[in-house]
Protein backbone atom coordinates (compact mmCIF):
# COMPACT_ATOMS: atom_id res chain seq x y z
CA MET A 1 62.22 102.46 131.64
CA ASN A 2 61.98 98.74 133.31
CA ARG A 3 63.90 96.53 130.75
CA GLU A 4 64.07 93.04 131.27
CA ILE A 5 66.88 90.82 129.13
CA ILE A 6 65.35 87.57 127.80
CA ARG A 7 67.67 84.89 127.49
CA THR A 8 67.49 80.83 126.91
CA GLU A 9 69.00 78.06 126.14
CA ARG A 10 66.60 76.74 123.40
CA ALA A 11 67.44 79.33 120.73
CA PRO A 12 70.61 80.43 119.39
CA GLN A 13 72.71 82.55 121.69
CA ALA A 14 73.87 85.75 120.50
CA ILE A 15 76.93 85.94 117.61
CA GLY A 16 76.90 89.33 119.06
CA THR A 17 76.50 92.33 120.95
CA TYR A 18 72.41 91.78 121.37
CA SER A 19 70.02 89.69 123.30
CA GLN A 20 67.51 87.73 122.56
CA ALA A 21 64.71 89.50 123.14
CA VAL A 22 64.20 92.74 125.32
CA LYS A 23 61.44 92.95 127.56
CA VAL A 24 59.62 96.98 128.40
CA GLY A 25 56.42 96.40 129.65
CA ASN A 26 54.19 94.34 128.20
CA THR A 27 56.55 94.88 125.16
CA VAL A 28 59.21 92.16 124.03
CA TYR A 29 60.87 93.17 120.82
CA LEU A 30 62.65 89.77 119.64
CA SER A 31 65.91 89.89 117.72
CA GLY A 32 66.65 88.04 114.48
CA GLN A 33 67.05 84.61 114.25
CA ILE A 34 68.79 82.94 111.22
CA PRO A 35 68.28 78.94 110.90
CA LEU A 36 71.21 78.23 113.46
CA ILE A 37 70.09 74.97 115.54
CA PRO A 38 70.09 75.99 119.41
CA GLU A 39 72.43 72.71 119.89
CA THR A 40 75.48 72.65 117.79
CA MET A 41 74.77 77.13 116.92
CA GLU A 42 75.68 75.14 113.02
CA MET A 43 73.58 76.47 110.55
CA LEU A 44 70.92 74.30 109.04
CA THR A 45 71.06 74.33 105.18
CA GLY A 46 69.36 72.53 102.27
CA ASP A 47 65.45 72.34 102.48
CA MET A 48 64.35 75.97 102.30
CA GLU A 49 61.13 74.96 104.20
CA ALA A 50 63.02 73.67 106.97
CA GLN A 51 65.15 76.72 107.13
CA ILE A 52 61.68 78.66 107.90
CA ARG A 53 60.73 76.61 110.36
CA ARG A 54 63.79 76.29 112.20
CA VAL A 55 63.52 80.43 112.26
CA PHE A 56 60.14 80.37 113.39
CA ASP A 57 61.05 77.45 116.01
CA ASN A 58 63.78 79.58 117.51
CA LEU A 59 61.84 82.86 117.41
CA GLN A 60 59.21 80.37 119.59
CA ALA A 61 61.85 79.47 122.02
CA VAL A 62 62.64 83.11 122.73
CA ALA A 63 58.91 83.90 122.79
CA GLN A 64 58.11 81.39 125.60
CA ALA A 65 60.98 82.68 127.53
CA ALA A 66 59.43 86.42 127.51
CA GLY A 67 56.26 84.50 128.78
CA GLY A 68 54.16 84.47 125.66
CA SER A 69 54.00 82.88 122.36
CA LEU A 70 54.34 83.51 118.45
CA THR A 71 50.71 83.81 118.64
CA ASP A 72 51.14 87.35 120.63
CA LEU A 73 53.33 88.71 117.32
CA VAL A 74 51.65 91.68 116.41
CA LYS A 75 54.67 92.37 113.89
CA LEU A 76 56.68 89.87 112.02
CA ASN A 77 59.49 90.91 109.65
CA VAL A 78 61.05 88.46 107.19
CA PHE A 79 64.36 89.07 105.19
CA LEU A 80 65.24 86.75 102.25
CA THR A 81 67.97 86.69 100.13
CA ASP A 82 65.27 85.62 97.46
CA LEU A 83 62.35 86.58 97.28
CA ALA A 84 60.91 83.53 95.18
CA ASN A 85 61.17 81.70 98.78
CA PHE A 86 57.67 83.84 100.08
CA PRO A 87 55.23 81.81 98.70
CA ARG A 88 57.35 78.90 101.28
CA VAL A 89 57.31 81.58 103.82
CA ASN A 90 53.74 82.02 103.80
CA GLN A 91 52.91 77.73 103.70
CA VAL A 92 54.91 77.34 106.64
CA MET A 93 53.86 80.32 108.64
CA ALA A 94 49.90 79.29 108.30
CA GLU A 95 51.38 75.90 110.20
CA TYR A 96 52.53 78.39 113.17
CA PHE A 97 49.97 80.92 113.41
CA ASN A 98 46.56 81.43 113.12
CA GLU A 99 44.23 84.57 112.15
CA PRO A 100 44.30 87.32 113.25
CA TYR A 101 47.64 87.32 111.94
CA PRO A 102 50.25 89.43 112.94
CA ALA A 103 51.25 92.65 110.47
CA ARG A 104 54.57 91.94 108.11
CA ALA A 105 56.85 92.97 106.20
CA ALA A 106 58.72 90.95 103.71
CA ILE A 107 61.68 92.34 102.58
CA GLY A 108 64.35 91.36 99.81
CA VAL A 109 68.10 91.69 101.20
CA ALA A 110 71.49 91.13 99.38
CA SER A 111 73.11 88.85 102.40
CA LEU A 112 72.12 87.86 105.90
CA PRO A 113 74.13 87.04 108.73
CA ARG A 114 76.52 83.60 108.28
CA GLY A 115 75.11 83.44 104.58
CA ALA A 116 71.39 82.65 106.01
CA ALA A 117 68.35 82.67 103.17
CA VAL A 118 66.10 83.72 105.93
CA GLU A 119 66.39 85.87 109.07
CA MET A 120 63.43 87.48 111.26
CA ASP A 121 62.41 89.49 114.24
CA GLY A 122 59.37 90.52 115.65
CA VAL A 123 57.33 92.38 118.23
CA MET A 124 54.93 90.98 121.14
CA GLU A 125 52.83 92.06 122.83
CA LEU A 126 51.77 89.95 126.19
CA GLY A 127 48.49 90.24 127.53
CA GLY A 128 46.77 90.72 125.70
């Protein structure tokens, strides 16, 4: 299996034993991103819409480092500590995506790393 590890300084560095993304063939598996500011590795807090944008920006940076963009995502997983924020995810997601939208799951969770309120990961297919 030919595997390429994707890294970029434009997204938060891994805070554990994982890679920002792994490319296998034309498929890229993007690790979860939380609203960390890449330059400082500090958590963006406060406005939920800003936190969601930060997560999408982090995912976009990793997608670009892999040779794609968010429009190449075929699957997006959204993890929220409060599902009442799901309408905000839809609102912000509309700023980053056009139809056809990726497949998506939204999962309510008890907690996320570093006390984040939102985390997203995804699968991207290049060359399609």
